């Protein structure tokens, strides 16, 4: 399935694995790349040893890497760790990419910048992004959450068409099957960035208990909240919160963040114990609204192939129907 993205990144299908922190490891990234997409290792909050281990697990497979930009600023040398492995791409999210953009481009590595608003898209273009990832509020994990994928993608596609036609667009948020891929291409994207569907794969670094709960959930069971940023003590900028699967811990503390902060030592101890025990009434499950479209745990390669086959079928059917109507 060829688009401008497949040509630019040297891949077969316009499907990119979201670099989910501590979920998108070398095994998952390798599986996505082997199926014709682009696998991305999650650099996340900057665990140096984990990053080295996952690049080693990917071996000679061509994979990329993504970072939480504001966290990378606390340890900028992590970018050098990634660049040493000659990644297929580097993705920067949740912050100004400018301080790191020149280092990525000087290494002749494609730069992907994830954005949530038009102003962030302009900032990414100013930084020289090769690919702008337009993430709607449907997505799992962090984001601004005020725009939907269905309107944000064409908005950003139009901005880029007017200002920087060579820059590519990826749609992110709510894409879990071929319908989402076909829709994203129709909206003006050159491909998709997929997180939640790959969260529910055999290669993802995710508890099987969490995945079982995930495939039983719907998009209505997710919520945007800052509860886990408080209990994990991550200093996220105020404009960001995260979409997760609801549980008892969220129901107890969402909307009572001040009370949670006042009882933080107790809550932190409860959270860490739950992670060890795999108690997901307390531990977090980071998925987006697309979890309602996920009904089984599959190998990542099967996800890529099914997504592409379904998208091609739907786009071909639409083209045939249009031709038959003489439109």
C-alpha atoms as a PDB file:
ATOM      1  CA  UNK A   1       0.000   0.000   0.000  1.00  0.00           C
ATOM      2  CA  UNK A   2       2.022   2.927  -1.304  1.00  0.00           C
ATOM      3  CA  UNK A   3       1.801   6.541  -0.176  1.00  0.00           C
ATOM      4  CA  UNK A   4       4.251   9.428   0.101  1.00  0.00           C
ATOM      5  CA  UNK A   5       5.118   8.087   3.559  1.00  0.00           C
ATOM      6  CA  UNK A   6       6.114   4.630   2.361  1.00  0.00           C
ATOM      7  CA  UNK A   7       8.356   6.202  -0.267  1.00  0.00           C
ATOM      8  CA  UNK A   8       9.965   8.636   2.175  1.00  0.00           C
ATOM      9  CA  UNK A   9      10.597   6.093   4.945  1.00  0.00           C
ATOM     10  CA  UNK A  10      11.348   3.108   2.736  1.00  0.00           C
ATOM     11  CA  UNK A  11       8.531   0.938   4.094  1.00  0.00           C
ATOM     12  CA  UNK A  12       5.851  -1.167   2.453  1.00  0.00           C
ATOM     13  CA  UNK A  13       2.732   0.003   4.289  1.00  0.00           C
ATOM     14  CA  UNK A  14       1.801   3.418   5.779  1.00  0.00           C
ATOM     15  CA  UNK A  15       1.470   2.042   9.320  1.00  0.00           C
ATOM     16  CA  UNK A  16       3.761   3.262  12.114  1.00  0.00           C
ATOM     17  CA  UNK A  17       3.898   1.838  15.623  1.00  0.00           C
ATOM     18  CA  UNK A  18       3.401   4.481  18.301  1.00  0.00           C
ATOM     19  CA  UNK A  19       6.522   4.570  20.523  1.00  0.00           C
ATOM     20  CA  UNK A  20       4.576   3.760  23.701  1.00  0.00           C
ATOM     21  CA  UNK A  21       6.658   4.108  26.859  1.00  0.00           C
ATOM     22  CA  UNK A  22       7.742   0.700  28.216  1.00  0.00           C
ATOM     23  CA  UNK A  23       5.251  -1.023  25.868  1.00  0.00           C
ATOM     24  CA  UNK A  24       6.820  -0.621  22.414  1.00  0.00           C
ATOM     25  CA  UNK A  25       9.980  -2.634  22.931  1.00  0.00           C
ATOM     26  CA  UNK A  26      12.388  -4.101  20.443  1.00  0.00           C
ATOM     27  CA  UNK A  27      10.325  -7.246  19.874  1.00  0.00           C
ATOM     28  CA  UNK A  28       7.153  -5.331  19.026  1.00  0.00           C
ATOM     29  CA  UNK A  29       8.995  -2.781  16.883  1.00  0.00           C
ATOM     30  CA  UNK A  30      10.711  -5.595  14.984  1.00  0.00           C
ATOM     31  CA  UNK A  31       7.413  -7.370  14.330  1.00  0.00           C
ATOM     32  CA  UNK A  32       5.793  -4.229  12.903  1.00  0.00           C
ATOM     33  CA  UNK A  33       8.765  -3.496  10.663  1.00  0.00           C
ATOM     34  CA  UNK A  34       8.928  -7.127   9.491  1.00  0.00           C
ATOM     35  CA  UNK A  35       5.272  -6.875   8.441  1.00  0.00           C
ATOM     36  CA  UNK A  36       6.015  -3.858   6.254  1.00  0.00           C
ATOM     37  CA  UNK A  37       5.263  -0.991   8.626  1.00  0.00           C
ATOM     38  CA  UNK A  38       7.681   1.000  10.765  1.00  0.00           C
ATOM     39  CA  UNK A  39       8.326  -0.138  14.303  1.00  0.00           C
ATOM     40  CA  UNK A  40       9.214   2.497  16.893  1.00  0.00           C
ATOM     41  CA  UNK A  41      10.785   1.820  20.275  1.00  0.00           C
ATOM     42  CA  UNK A  42       9.377   3.872  23.138  1.00  0.00           C
ATOM     43  CA  UNK A  43      12.084   5.981  24.743  1.00  0.00           C
ATOM     44  CA  UNK A  44       9.458   7.422  27.062  1.00  0.00           C
ATOM     45  CA  UNK A  45      10.698   9.055  30.229  1.00  0.00           C
ATOM     46  CA  UNK A  46      14.286   8.061  29.545  1.00  0.00           C
ATOM     47  CA  UNK A  47      15.307   4.728  31.022  1.00  0.00           C
ATOM     48  CA  UNK A  48      18.767   4.482  29.465  1.00  0.00           C
ATOM     49  CA  UNK A  49      19.344   0.787  30.139  1.00  0.00           C
ATOM     50  CA  UNK A  50      15.885  -0.171  28.903  1.00  0.00           C
ATOM     51  CA  UNK A  51      16.472   1.801  25.720  1.00  0.00           C
ATOM     52  CA  UNK A  52      19.802   0.084  25.065  1.00  0.00           C
ATOM     53  CA  UNK A  53      18.282  -3.318  25.781  1.00  0.00           C
ATOM     54  CA  UNK A  54      15.372  -2.810  23.393  1.00  0.00           C
ATOM     55  CA  UNK A  55      17.589  -1.572  20.563  1.00  0.00           C
ATOM     56  CA  UNK A  56      19.706  -4.682  21.113  1.00  0.00           C
ATOM     57  CA  UNK A  57      16.542  -6.812  20.988  1.00  0.00           C
ATOM     58  CA  UNK A  58      15.695  -5.268  17.610  1.00  0.00           C
ATOM     59  CA  UNK A  59      19.086  -6.322  16.286  1.00  0.00           C
ATOM     60  CA  UNK A  60      19.624  -5.295  12.694  1.00  0.00           C
ATOM     61  CA  UNK A  61      15.940  -4.637  12.058  1.00  0.00           C
ATOM     62  CA  UNK A  62      15.258  -1.116  10.897  1.00  0.00           C
ATOM     63  CA  UNK A  63      13.301   0.576  13.699  1.00  0.00           C
ATOM     64  CA  UNK A  64      12.839   4.084  15.033  1.00  0.00           C
ATOM     65  CA  UNK A  65      12.573   5.596  18.494  1.00  0.00           C
ATOM     66  CA  UNK A  66      10.340   8.144  20.206  1.00  0.00           C
ATOM     67  CA  UNK A  67      10.834  10.424  23.211  1.00  0.00           C
ATOM     68  CA  UNK A  68       8.743  12.523  25.574  1.00  0.00           C
ATOM     69  CA  UNK A  69      10.392  15.824  24.714  1.00  0.00           C
ATOM     70  CA  UNK A  70      10.122  17.617  28.062  1.00  0.00           C
ATOM     71  CA  UNK A  71      11.599  14.563  29.762  1.00  0.00           C
ATOM     72  CA  UNK A  72      14.369  14.229  27.193  1.00  0.00           C
ATOM     73  CA  UNK A  73      15.383  17.780  28.065  1.00  0.00           C
ATOM     74  CA  UNK A  74      16.374  16.503  31.514  1.00  0.00           C
ATOM     75  CA  UNK A  75      18.835  14.010  29.982  1.00  0.00           C
ATOM     76  CA  UNK A  76      19.601  15.170  26.431  1.00  0.00           C
ATOM     77  CA  UNK A  77      22.323  12.545  25.968  1.00  0.00           C
ATOM     78  CA  UNK A  78      19.605   9.915  25.606  1.00  0.00           C
ATOM     79  CA  UNK A  79      19.090  11.206  22.088  1.00  0.00           C
ATOM     80  CA  UNK A  80      22.707  10.333  21.343  1.00  0.00           C
ATOM     81  CA  UNK A  81      22.074   6.793  22.603  1.00  0.00           C
ATOM     82  CA  UNK A  82      19.279   6.445  20.074  1.00  0.00           C
ATOM     83  CA  UNK A  83      21.173   8.095  17.213  1.00  0.00           C
ATOM     84  CA  UNK A  84      24.101   5.735  17.763  1.00  0.00           C
ATOM     85  CA  UNK A  85      21.806   2.948  16.583  1.00  0.00           C
ATOM     86  CA  UNK A  86      21.006   4.728  13.318  1.00  0.00           C
ATOM     87  CA  UNK A  87      17.225   4.677  13.876  1.00  0.00           C
ATOM     88  CA  UNK A  88      14.838   4.746  10.946  1.00  0.00           C
ATOM     89  CA  UNK A  89      13.205   7.818  12.499  1.00  0.00           C
ATOM     90  CA  UNK A  90      13.064   9.803  15.731  1.00  0.00           C
ATOM     91  CA  UNK A  91       9.747  11.043  17.075  1.00  0.00           C
ATOM     92  CA  UNK A  92       9.460  13.910  19.556  1.00  0.00           C
ATOM     93  CA  UNK A  93       6.215  14.460  21.475  1.00  0.00           C
ATOM     94  CA  UNK A  94       4.822  16.751  24.161  1.00  0.00           C
ATOM     95  CA  UNK A  95       7.085  19.750  23.985  1.00  0.00           C
ATOM     96  CA  UNK A  96       9.098  22.079  21.785  1.00  0.00           C
ATOM     97  CA  UNK A  97      11.185  19.929  19.405  1.00  0.00           C
ATOM     98  CA  UNK A  98      13.489  22.813  18.468  1.00  0.00           C
ATOM     99  CA  UNK A  99      16.334  22.058  20.933  1.00  0.00           C
ATOM    100  CA  UNK A 100      16.738  18.549  19.467  1.00  0.00           C
ATOM    101  CA  UNK A 101      15.681  18.941  15.844  1.00  0.00           C
ATOM    102  CA  UNK A 102      19.071  19.955  14.458  1.00  0.00           C
ATOM    103  CA  UNK A 103      20.808  16.958  16.048  1.00  0.00           C
ATOM    104  CA  UNK A 104      18.288  14.588  14.492  1.00  0.00           C
ATOM    105  CA  UNK A 105      18.486  16.189  11.088  1.00  0.00           C
ATOM    106  CA  UNK A 106      22.298  16.405  11.209  1.00  0.00           C
ATOM    107  CA  UNK A 107      22.322  12.636  11.689  1.00  0.00           C
ATOM    108  CA  UNK A 108      20.246  12.346   8.488  1.00  0.00           C
ATOM    109  CA  UNK A 109      17.402  10.731  10.425  1.00  0.00           C
ATOM    110  CA  UNK A 110      13.769  11.587   9.611  1.00  0.00           C
ATOM    111  CA  UNK A 111      12.200  13.754  12.314  1.00  0.00           C
ATOM    112  CA  UNK A 112       8.602  13.081  13.371  1.00  0.00           C
ATOM    113  CA  UNK A 113       6.881  15.618  15.634  1.00  0.00           C
ATOM    114  CA  UNK A 114       3.606  14.768  17.346  1.00  0.00           C
ATOM    115  CA  UNK A 115       1.192  17.680  17.747  1.00  0.00           C
ATOM    116  CA  UNK A 116      -2.300  18.309  19.078  1.00  0.00           C
ATOM    117  CA  UNK A 117      -3.086  21.812  17.824  1.00  0.00           C
ATOM    118  CA  UNK A 118      -2.431  23.991  14.805  1.00  0.00           C
ATOM    119  CA  UNK A 119      -0.013  26.146  16.807  1.00  0.00           C
ATOM    120  CA  UNK A 120       2.004  23.058  17.718  1.00  0.00           C
ATOM    121  CA  UNK A 121       1.969  22.036  14.051  1.00  0.00           C
ATOM    122  CA  UNK A 122       3.410  25.423  13.083  1.00  0.00           C
ATOM    123  CA  UNK A 123       6.112  24.984  15.724  1.00  0.00           C
ATOM    124  CA  UNK A 124       6.950  21.547  14.302  1.00  0.00           C
ATOM    125  CA  UNK A 125       7.242  22.991  10.791  1.00  0.00           C
ATOM    126  CA  UNK A 126       9.507  25.751  12.088  1.00  0.00           C
ATOM    127  CA  UNK A 127      11.709  23.064  13.656  1.00  0.00           C
ATOM    128  CA  UNK A 128      12.020  21.291  10.307  1.00  0.00           C
ATOM    129  CA  UNK A 129       9.845  18.239  10.957  1.00  0.00           C
ATOM    130  CA  UNK A 130       9.782  15.747   8.099  1.00  0.00           C
ATOM    131  CA  UNK A 131       6.529  14.273   9.395  1.00  0.00           C
ATOM    132  CA  UNK A 132       3.853  15.930  11.545  1.00  0.00           C
ATOM    133  CA  UNK A 133       1.833  13.466  13.617  1.00  0.00           C
ATOM    134  CA  UNK A 134      -1.652  14.888  14.224  1.00  0.00           C
ATOM    135  CA  UNK A 135      -2.941  13.261  17.399  1.00  0.00           C
ATOM    136  CA  UNK A 136      -6.605  13.598  18.282  1.00  0.00           C
ATOM    137  CA  UNK A 137      -8.051  13.383  21.766  1.00  0.00           C
ATOM    138  CA  UNK A 138      -9.281   9.831  21.143  1.00  0.00           C
ATOM    139  CA  UNK A 139      -5.734   8.540  21.547  1.00  0.00           C
ATOM    140  CA  UNK A 140      -4.521   6.625  24.548  1.00  0.00           C
ATOM    141  CA  UNK A 141      -1.868   8.144  26.756  1.00  0.00           C
ATOM    142  CA  UNK A 142      -1.090  11.820  26.950  1.00  0.00           C
ATOM    143  CA  UNK A 143      -2.355  14.658  24.831  1.00  0.00           C
ATOM    144  CA  UNK A 144      -4.133  17.966  24.991  1.00  0.00           C
ATOM    145  CA  UNK A 145      -7.415  16.234  24.287  1.00  0.00           C
ATOM    146  CA  UNK A 146      -9.369  19.187  22.943  1.00  0.00           C
ATOM    147  CA  UNK A 147      -9.410  18.204  19.265  1.00  0.00           C
ATOM    148  CA  UNK A 148     -10.713  15.081  17.552  1.00  0.00           C
ATOM    149  CA  UNK A 149      -8.702  13.182  14.977  1.00  0.00           C
ATOM    150  CA  UNK A 150     -11.470  13.582  12.401  1.00  0.00           C
ATOM    151  CA  UNK A 151     -11.122  17.379  12.338  1.00  0.00           C
ATOM    152  CA  UNK A 152      -7.505  17.862  13.414  1.00  0.00           C
ATOM    153  CA  UNK A 153      -5.990  15.798  10.601  1.00  0.00           C
ATOM    154  CA  UNK A 154      -7.549  17.731   7.690  1.00  0.00           C
ATOM    155  CA  UNK A 155      -6.858  21.028   9.483  1.00  0.00           C
ATOM    156  CA  UNK A 156      -3.171  20.170   9.716  1.00  0.00           C
ATOM    157  CA  UNK A 157      -3.102  18.669   6.214  1.00  0.00           C
ATOM    158  CA  UNK A 158      -4.443  21.959   4.849  1.00  0.00           C
ATOM    159  CA  UNK A 159      -1.900  23.961   6.848  1.00  0.00           C
ATOM    160  CA  UNK A 160       0.943  21.854   5.496  1.00  0.00           C
ATOM    161  CA  UNK A 161      -0.356  21.982   1.929  1.00  0.00           C
ATOM    162  CA  UNK A 162      -0.296  25.776   2.118  1.00  0.00           C
ATOM    163  CA  UNK A 163       3.025  26.136   3.878  1.00  0.00           C
ATOM    164  CA  UNK A 164       5.276  23.079   3.412  1.00  0.00           C
ATOM    165  CA  UNK A 165       3.991  20.634   0.827  1.00  0.00           C
ATOM    166  CA  UNK A 166       6.935  18.252   1.182  1.00  0.00           C
ATOM    167  CA  UNK A 167       6.133  17.622   4.855  1.00  0.00           C
ATOM    168  CA  UNK A 168       4.136  14.460   5.529  1.00  0.00           C
ATOM    169  CA  UNK A 169       1.188  13.895   7.873  1.00  0.00           C
ATOM    170  CA  UNK A 170       0.412  10.932  10.098  1.00  0.00           C
ATOM    171  CA  UNK A 171      -2.989  10.568  11.741  1.00  0.00           C
ATOM    172  CA  UNK A 172      -3.027   9.322  15.334  1.00  0.00           C
ATOM    173  CA  UNK A 173      -5.863   8.625  17.733  1.00  0.00           C
ATOM    174  CA  UNK A 174      -8.696   6.161  17.242  1.00  0.00           C
ATOM    175  CA  UNK A 175      -7.070   4.134  14.435  1.00  0.00           C
ATOM    176  CA  UNK A 176      -7.314   0.409  15.149  1.00  0.00           C
ATOM    177  CA  UNK A 177      -8.325  -1.244  11.884  1.00  0.00           C
ATOM    178  CA  UNK A 178      -8.519  -0.792   8.129  1.00  0.00           C
ATOM    179  CA  UNK A 179     -11.490   1.535   8.415  1.00  0.00           C
ATOM    180  CA  UNK A 180      -9.347   3.943  10.415  1.00  0.00           C
ATOM    181  CA  UNK A 181      -6.463   3.715   7.955  1.00  0.00           C
ATOM    182  CA  UNK A 182      -8.759   4.317   4.977  1.00  0.00           C
ATOM    183  CA  UNK A 183     -10.399   7.246   6.750  1.00  0.00           C
ATOM    184  CA  UNK A 184      -7.040   8.788   7.652  1.00  0.00           C
ATOM    185  CA  UNK A 185      -5.869   8.661   4.030  1.00  0.00           C
ATOM    186  CA  UNK A 186      -9.158  10.183   2.920  1.00  0.00           C
ATOM    187  CA  UNK A 187      -8.695  13.033   5.417  1.00  0.00           C
ATOM    188  CA  UNK A 188      -5.343  13.958   3.891  1.00  0.00           C
ATOM    189  CA  UNK A 189      -2.892  11.926   5.971  1.00  0.00           C
ATOM    190  CA  UNK A 190      -0.050   9.984   4.383  1.00  0.00           C
ATOM    191  CA  UNK A 191      -0.319   7.193   6.937  1.00  0.00           C
ATOM    192  CA  UNK A 192      -1.256   6.360  10.518  1.00  0.00           C
ATOM    193  CA  UNK A 193       0.420   6.095  13.893  1.00  0.00           C
ATOM    194  CA  UNK A 194      -1.154   3.241  15.866  1.00  0.00           C
ATOM    195  CA  UNK A 195      -0.885   2.670  19.603  1.00  0.00           C
ATOM    196  CA  UNK A 196      -3.835   0.965  21.281  1.00  0.00           C
ATOM    197  CA  UNK A 197      -4.207  -1.812  18.676  1.00  0.00           C
ATOM    198  CA  UNK A 198      -0.544  -2.721  19.072  1.00  0.00           C
ATOM    199  CA  UNK A 199      -0.897  -2.537  22.877  1.00  0.00           C
ATOM    200  CA  UNK A 200      -3.127  -5.576  22.469  1.00  0.00           C
ATOM    201  CA  UNK A 201      -0.610  -7.765  20.631  1.00  0.00           C
ATOM    202  CA  UNK A 202       1.491 -10.744  21.611  1.00  0.00           C
ATOM    203  CA  UNK A 203       4.760  -8.802  21.358  1.00  0.00           C
ATOM    204  CA  UNK A 204       3.760  -5.773  23.438  1.00  0.00           C
ATOM    205  CA  UNK A 205       5.359  -5.400  26.857  1.00  0.00           C
ATOM    206  CA  UNK A 206       1.956  -5.502  28.560  1.00  0.00           C
ATOM    207  CA  UNK A 207       0.549  -7.744  31.283  1.00  0.00           C
ATOM    208  CA  UNK A 208      -1.733 -10.455  29.909  1.00  0.00           C
ATOM    209  CA  UNK A 209      -4.180  -9.564  32.701  1.00  0.00           C
ATOM    210  CA  UNK A 210      -4.325  -5.990  31.477  1.00  0.00           C
ATOM    211  CA  UNK A 211      -4.857  -7.130  27.894  1.00  0.00           C
ATOM    212  CA  UNK A 212      -7.739  -9.396  28.939  1.00  0.00           C
ATOM    213  CA  UNK A 213      -9.432  -6.432  30.591  1.00  0.00           C
ATOM    214  CA  UNK A 214      -8.704  -4.316  27.540  1.00  0.00           C
ATOM    215  CA  UNK A 215     -10.388  -6.574  24.994  1.00  0.00           C
ATOM    216  CA  UNK A 216     -13.484  -6.671  27.190  1.00  0.00           C
ATOM    217  CA  UNK A 217     -13.706  -2.866  27.341  1.00  0.00           C
ATOM    218  CA  UNK A 218     -15.290  -0.255  25.096  1.00  0.00           C
ATOM    219  CA  UNK A 219     -14.274   3.286  24.268  1.00  0.00           C
ATOM    220  CA  UNK A 220     -16.828   4.438  26.845  1.00  0.00           C
ATOM    221  CA  UNK A 221     -14.679   2.814  29.522  1.00  0.00           C
ATOM    222  CA  UNK A 222     -11.785   5.224  28.946  1.00  0.00           C
ATOM    223  CA  UNK A 223     -11.286   8.591  30.594  1.00  0.00           C
ATOM    224  CA  UNK A 224      -8.902  11.531  30.381  1.00  0.00           C
ATOM    225  CA  UNK A 225      -7.338  12.217  33.768  1.00  0.00           C
ATOM    226  CA  UNK A 226      -4.201  13.401  35.526  1.00  0.00           C
ATOM    227  CA  UNK A 227      -4.548  11.008  38.466  1.00  0.00           C
ATOM    228  CA  UNK A 228      -1.706   8.726  37.440  1.00  0.00           C
ATOM    229  CA  UNK A 229       0.662  11.602  36.737  1.00  0.00           C
ATOM    230  CA  UNK A 230       0.192  12.620  40.352  1.00  0.00           C
ATOM    231  CA  UNK A 231       0.684   9.154  41.810  1.00  0.00           C
ATOM    232  CA  UNK A 232       3.644   8.355  39.532  1.00  0.00           C
ATOM    233  CA  UNK A 233       5.048  11.800  40.362  1.00  0.00           C
ATOM    234  CA  UNK A 234       5.709  12.735  36.742  1.00  0.00           C
ATOM    235  CA  UNK A 235       5.847  16.532  36.267  1.00  0.00           C
ATOM    236  CA  UNK A 236       3.706  16.778  33.140  1.00  0.00           C
ATOM    237  CA  UNK A 237       2.991  20.271  31.800  1.00  0.00           C
ATOM    238  CA  UNK A 238      -0.426  21.458  32.930  1.00  0.00           C
ATOM    239  CA  UNK A 239      -2.008  21.357  29.470  1.00  0.00           C
ATOM    240  CA  UNK A 240      -1.560  17.577  29.164  1.00  0.00           C
ATOM    241  CA  UNK A 241      -3.498  14.724  30.684  1.00  0.00           C
ATOM    242  CA  UNK A 242      -3.784  11.071  29.766  1.00  0.00           C
ATOM    243  CA  UNK A 243      -6.478   8.750  28.430  1.00  0.00           C
ATOM    244  CA  UNK A 244      -6.657   5.452  30.281  1.00  0.00           C
ATOM    245  CA  UNK A 245      -9.017   2.607  31.042  1.00  0.00           C
ATOM    246  CA  UNK A 246     -11.191   3.409  34.056  1.00  0.00           C
ATOM    247  CA  UNK A 247     -10.763   1.426  37.244  1.00  0.00           C
ATOM    248  CA  UNK A 248     -11.529   1.771  40.941  1.00  0.00           C
ATOM    249  CA  UNK A 249      -8.441   3.897  41.592  1.00  0.00           C
ATOM    250  CA  UNK A 250      -9.448   6.457  38.954  1.00  0.00           C
ATOM    251  CA  UNK A 251     -13.064   6.463  40.119  1.00  0.00           C
ATOM    252  CA  UNK A 252     -11.852   7.159  43.652  1.00  0.00           C
ATOM    253  CA  UNK A 253      -9.500  10.042  42.818  1.00  0.00           C
ATOM    254  CA  UNK A 254     -10.554  11.634  39.524  1.00  0.00           C
ATOM    255  CA  UNK A 255     -11.921  15.066  40.418  1.00  0.00           C
ATOM    256  CA  UNK A 256     -10.321  14.824  43.848  1.00  0.00           C
ATOM    257  CA  UNK A 257      -6.748  15.485  42.780  1.00  0.00           C
ATOM    258  CA  UNK A 258      -6.080  17.848  45.693  1.00  0.00           C
ATOM    259  CA  UNK A 259      -7.091  15.141  48.151  1.00  0.00           C
ATOM    260  CA  UNK A 260      -4.877  12.660  46.299  1.00  0.00           C
ATOM    261  CA  UNK A 261      -1.895  15.001  46.564  1.00  0.00           C
ATOM    262  CA  UNK A 262      -2.539  15.373  50.294  1.00  0.00           C
ATOM    263  CA  UNK A 263      -2.449  11.582  50.742  1.00  0.00           C
ATOM    264  CA  UNK A 264       0.292  10.946  48.208  1.00  0.00           C
ATOM    265  CA  UNK A 265       2.657   8.657  50.183  1.00  0.00           C
ATOM    266  CA  UNK A 266      -0.187   6.255  50.937  1.00  0.00           C
ATOM    267  CA  UNK A 267      -1.462   6.350  47.331  1.00  0.00           C
ATOM    268  CA  UNK A 268       2.026   5.867  45.862  1.00  0.00           C
ATOM    269  CA  UNK A 269       2.589   2.785  48.024  1.00  0.00           C
ATOM    270  CA  UNK A 270      -0.789   1.374  46.985  1.00  0.00           C
ATOM    271  CA  UNK A 271      -0.038   2.020  43.297  1.00  0.00           C
ATOM    272  CA  UNK A 272       3.410   0.385  43.333  1.00  0.00           C
ATOM    273  CA  UNK A 273       2.082  -2.654  45.180  1.00  0.00           C
ATOM    274  CA  UNK A 274      -0.689  -2.994  42.587  1.00  0.00           C
ATOM    275  CA  UNK A 275       1.809  -2.876  39.720  1.00  0.00           C
ATOM    276  CA  UNK A 276       3.784  -5.724  41.275  1.00  0.00           C
ATOM    277  CA  UNK A 277       0.613  -7.725  41.962  1.00  0.00           C
ATOM    278  CA  UNK A 278      -0.903  -6.897  38.556  1.00  0.00           C
ATOM    279  CA  UNK A 279      -3.992  -5.538  40.256  1.00  0.00           C
ATOM    280  CA  UNK A 280      -5.557  -3.421  37.540  1.00  0.00           C
ATOM    281  CA  UNK A 281      -8.268  -2.020  39.723  1.00  0.00           C
ATOM    282  CA  UNK A 282      -5.406   0.192  40.953  1.00  0.00           C
ATOM    283  CA  UNK A 283      -2.574  -0.082  38.402  1.00  0.00           C
ATOM    284  CA  UNK A 284      -2.988   1.892  35.181  1.00  0.00           C
ATOM    285  CA  UNK A 285      -3.923   0.608  31.717  1.00  0.00           C
ATOM    286  CA  UNK A 286      -3.034   3.206  29.087  1.00  0.00           C
ATOM    287  CA  UNK A 287      -5.336   2.762  26.094  1.00  0.00           C
ATOM    288  CA  UNK A 288      -7.445   4.999  23.896  1.00  0.00           C
ATOM    289  CA  UNK A 289     -11.037   4.965  22.692  1.00  0.00           C
ATOM    290  CA  UNK A 290     -10.027   2.506  19.964  1.00  0.00           C
ATOM    291  CA  UNK A 291      -9.897  -0.234  22.605  1.00  0.00           C
ATOM    292  CA  UNK A 292     -13.566  -0.822  21.825  1.00  0.00           C
ATOM    293  CA  UNK A 293     -12.524  -1.968  18.343  1.00  0.00           C
ATOM    294  CA  UNK A 294     -10.068  -4.542  19.717  1.00  0.00           C
ATOM    295  CA  UNK A 295     -11.513  -7.985  20.420  1.00  0.00           C
ATOM    296  CA  UNK A 296      -8.523 -10.321  20.451  1.00  0.00           C
ATOM    297  CA  UNK A 297      -4.806 -10.428  21.117  1.00  0.00           C
ATOM    298  CA  UNK A 298      -2.978 -10.986  17.836  1.00  0.00           C
ATOM    299  CA  UNK A 299       0.606 -11.090  16.578  1.00  0.00           C
ATOM    300  CA  UNK A 300       1.588  -7.568  15.540  1.00  0.00           C
ATOM    301  CA  UNK A 301       2.305  -8.690  11.996  1.00  0.00           C
ATOM    302  CA  UNK A 302      -1.265  -9.924  11.630  1.00  0.00           C
ATOM    303  CA  UNK A 303      -2.527  -6.540  12.823  1.00  0.00           C
ATOM    304  CA  UNK A 304      -0.540  -4.746  10.120  1.00  0.00           C
ATOM    305  CA  UNK A 305      -1.605  -7.118   7.364  1.00  0.00           C
ATOM    306  CA  UNK A 306      -5.292  -7.112   8.322  1.00  0.00           C
ATOM    307  CA  UNK A 307      -5.348  -3.341   8.624  1.00  0.00           C
ATOM    308  CA  UNK A 308      -3.847  -2.850   5.185  1.00  0.00           C
ATOM    309  CA  UNK A 309      -5.990  -5.493   3.504  1.00  0.00           C
ATOM    310  CA  UNK A 310      -9.167  -4.029   4.942  1.00  0.00           C
ATOM    311  CA  UNK A 311      -8.184  -0.475   4.012  1.00  0.00           C
ATOM    312  CA  UNK A 312      -7.356  -1.460   0.433  1.00  0.00           C
ATOM    313  CA  UNK A 313     -10.642  -3.325   0.143  1.00  0.00           C
ATOM    314  CA  UNK A 314     -12.695  -0.417   1.455  1.00  0.00           C
ATOM    315  CA  UNK A 315     -10.947   2.187  -0.675  1.00  0.00           C
ATOM    316  CA  UNK A 316     -11.248  -0.006  -3.777  1.00  0.00           C
ATOM    317  CA  UNK A 317     -14.936  -0.646  -3.112  1.00  0.00           C
ATOM    318  CA  UNK A 318     -15.586   3.059  -2.686  1.00  0.00           C
ATOM    319  CA  UNK A 319     -13.745   3.829  -5.939  1.00  0.00           C
ATOM    320  CA  UNK A 320     -15.782   1.207  -7.791  1.00  0.00           C
ATOM    321  CA  UNK A 321     -19.066   2.509  -6.384  1.00  0.00           C
ATOM    322  CA  UNK A 322     -18.116   6.035  -7.328  1.00  0.00           C
ATOM    323  CA  UNK A 323     -17.223   4.976 -10.871  1.00  0.00           C
ATOM    324  CA  UNK A 324     -20.478   3.036 -11.222  1.00  0.00           C
ATOM    325  CA  UNK A 325     -22.452   6.132 -10.263  1.00  0.00           C
ATOM    326  CA  UNK A 326     -20.498   8.131 -12.813  1.00  0.00           C
ATOM    327  CA  UNK A 327     -19.253  10.571 -10.204  1.00  0.00           C
END
